[in-house]
Amino acid sequence: MSLWPPPRRVEVLDAADSLVLPPGAPVALHVTAAGAAPAEASEELEFALAGLRRVLATTGQQLLPAVAGNGSADTIACRVAVGSPGGERASRVDVPTNESYRLRTGLDGIAIEAATPTGAFRAATTLKQWLNSRGRPAAAGFEVPAVQIEDRPDFPIRGAMLDVSRNRVPRMDYLKRLIDRLADWKANHLQLYVEHTYAYADHEEVWRDASPFTAGEIRELDAWCRERFIELTPNQNSFGHFHRWLIHDRYRPLAEVPEGFQHPFSIDPEPFSLCATDPRVLELLTDLYDELLPHFGSRRFNVGLDETFDLGRGRSAEACEERGKPSVYLDFLRQVHDLVTERDRQMLFWGDIILEHPEVIDQVPEDAVALCWGYEARHPFEDQCARLAASGREFWVCPGTSSWHSFGGRLQNAVGNLALAATAGSEAGAQGLLITDWGDHGHLQPPPIAELPLSIGAGFAWSVETAREAASGPERTEEAWLDHAARLVYDGDETLARTVIDLGAIDLDCGGPAMNGTALFYLLRFIDDDLTHRRFRRLTIGTLQRTYARLAASRDRLNEVESDPNHAALDWTCRMMTWCCQLGVARLAAGRGLLAGQLPTKVRATLGTDLRDIAGDLPDVWRATSREGGLRESQDLLLRAAAVLDGS
């Protein structure tokens, strides 16, 4: 389809009415706005017009203010009418949600009508896609069919959350490009998931080697997002997932289990969660919040509070025994909520714990927003959303890109998961859809792998009908999203689009589907284990050999065209997946019960040498989009596997 997200109504008009932009002809801008707009609205309108200027600049046209005498026979009219924002907002969270617009192109120029400047900006992004997809060179200049479009979103909040704490911290230039893409897909919300990757002034030992975001960078990103009508919302996990802090002696006394705990996000035992009954924890969080929050314009704040695996297993055990673990969790949540509301923010939090203990849902503060997450195509979103909706509290649905615990993604699972979240969330009254992109265990998947599902999910959040069609229709093939990927995600690079889609389908042919990841990735992650676990039950020598051939074809395709950083990253990914195929074949040939370290010496030596070579080439592709911090740790995951094989 030529427009994404698909608008509610598109009417292509008479061909004789086509819009023609003569070479170099100026576009005269006529702006009308209802009512006496406050200063903030005037700034927003300027942001919308700046977006419109960027769109027309791609066609070589110059957008000028409409003043007496500036016209000529070749001048094109562009009329922008912005209506009154309406009555008082019901929520104190000041984020515009009225994004409806009408767009018309034709002989008489371009006309945009919108309820707010935000709507005018959304119309500009649609105009950009219409010009790019339907515009053609003509004798009189650049010609595009006449069209009338009416549109508005289904979900008020449509966002993405990027994991910047599992080694891969994106560079500013990459982030800005991605934000521009999110704006093109009509997203209006962004979070950067932080455990330890913000440069807190008095906590350098935590972030010293992580290449963290600085206060100045956050303010720069906040401004960049605001100019594109995206709300950059702070995110600091504040209960579980605090291990990056608690491994340091200064913070270890605040841990639930200071001596360490075997949790899923590390190979070796380490402290994981903060102790919910230690008042010093709230003092630390107060310090962090007071430093972090002022750099964001958003009045929302995601405090995490998920996956508290070790709650009640250490210092809070007595309290949990006396009052019950759900009660101890809820008391801590309320105390964090007090900190957030005292700073005039609305608290967002992951809803997994309260969904495990539904008896406490009605005791959660009424203005707190539960984030209902799940990452499989058959996740029980319907049931979970119904329980949250029954409480009368605001909640969002949070599917994922299915990129993590893989190298090339799980595209079919991602589409199914995103579509289910959109349809179930919409029916239950969810106010937001937040697409999560995690980086568990080294963030070894390159960024382009996540960009396609991010675009698909953003489209589903804007147009739930599109999600319903995807959920109810036949399973998507590898071809289904190719045109979409090439045109709307990868800037016309069909080789990149084809390779991303091919890699995203491999999990189904090679031991899949597996829960929350791919069998190929798990061969690396669980190299210490035998292959009798159910995650490997569908792996066979035949499927691995076919996958090997498929990866070779992908590499050949990448090598046929001039290389760029994205192609190089995907070539590295193909090499990594090929190595996992070779490991899997060797291990299955030796027997599922045999450990990797028990393979024949020559086989282990070859595999170890090859993996060290792949690890040695990781920096070249990593640095194209990501900062230095975390790189060595991700390399070490590969080198550790090599050491298991060669016994070093």
Foldseek 3Di string as FASTA:
>chain_A
DLAFLDFPDKDFDDQVFWFFQFAAAEEEEAEAEPDDDDPVQVVLLVLLVVLLQVLVVVQVYGYHYDDPPPDDPNYAYEYEYEYELDDDDPDPFPADQQQKKKWWATNRHIYIYGPGSNNSNLVSLRVSSQQQRAWDADPRGIIGTIMMTTHHFLFSAEAAEEELDQQFHWDLVLVLVLLVLLLSNVHAEYEYADQQQECQPPQCVLCVQAPHDYLVSLLVVQVSSVSSNHFYAYHYAQWFQNQSRCQDPVNLVQFQASVFDDDDQDPDTHGTTGALPDVVSVVVVLSVCVVPVVSGPGQAYEHELPDNPCHLVGDCVVVCVVPNSVVSSQVSQVSVCVSSVVVRHAYEYEDPVCLVVVVCLLVHPQRYEYEDEDEFLPPPLLVSLQSNLVSVHAYEYEYELQCEQEQLGARLRLLSRLLVRLVSCSVSPHNYYYYYYHQGQQNNHDVLLSQVSSSSSSSCRRPNVVSVCCNPDDRDDLPNCQVVCCVSGVPNPSLLSSLSSLRNNLQVLAQDDAPSHGLLSCCLVVLQAFQPDSSNPPHDLVSLVVVLVSLVVSLVSLVVDDDDLSSVSSNLSSLSSNLSSLLSNQRVVVPRHDHLQPGDQVSLLVSLVSLLVSLVCVVVSSVVTGDPRSSVVSSVSSNVSNCSSNVD
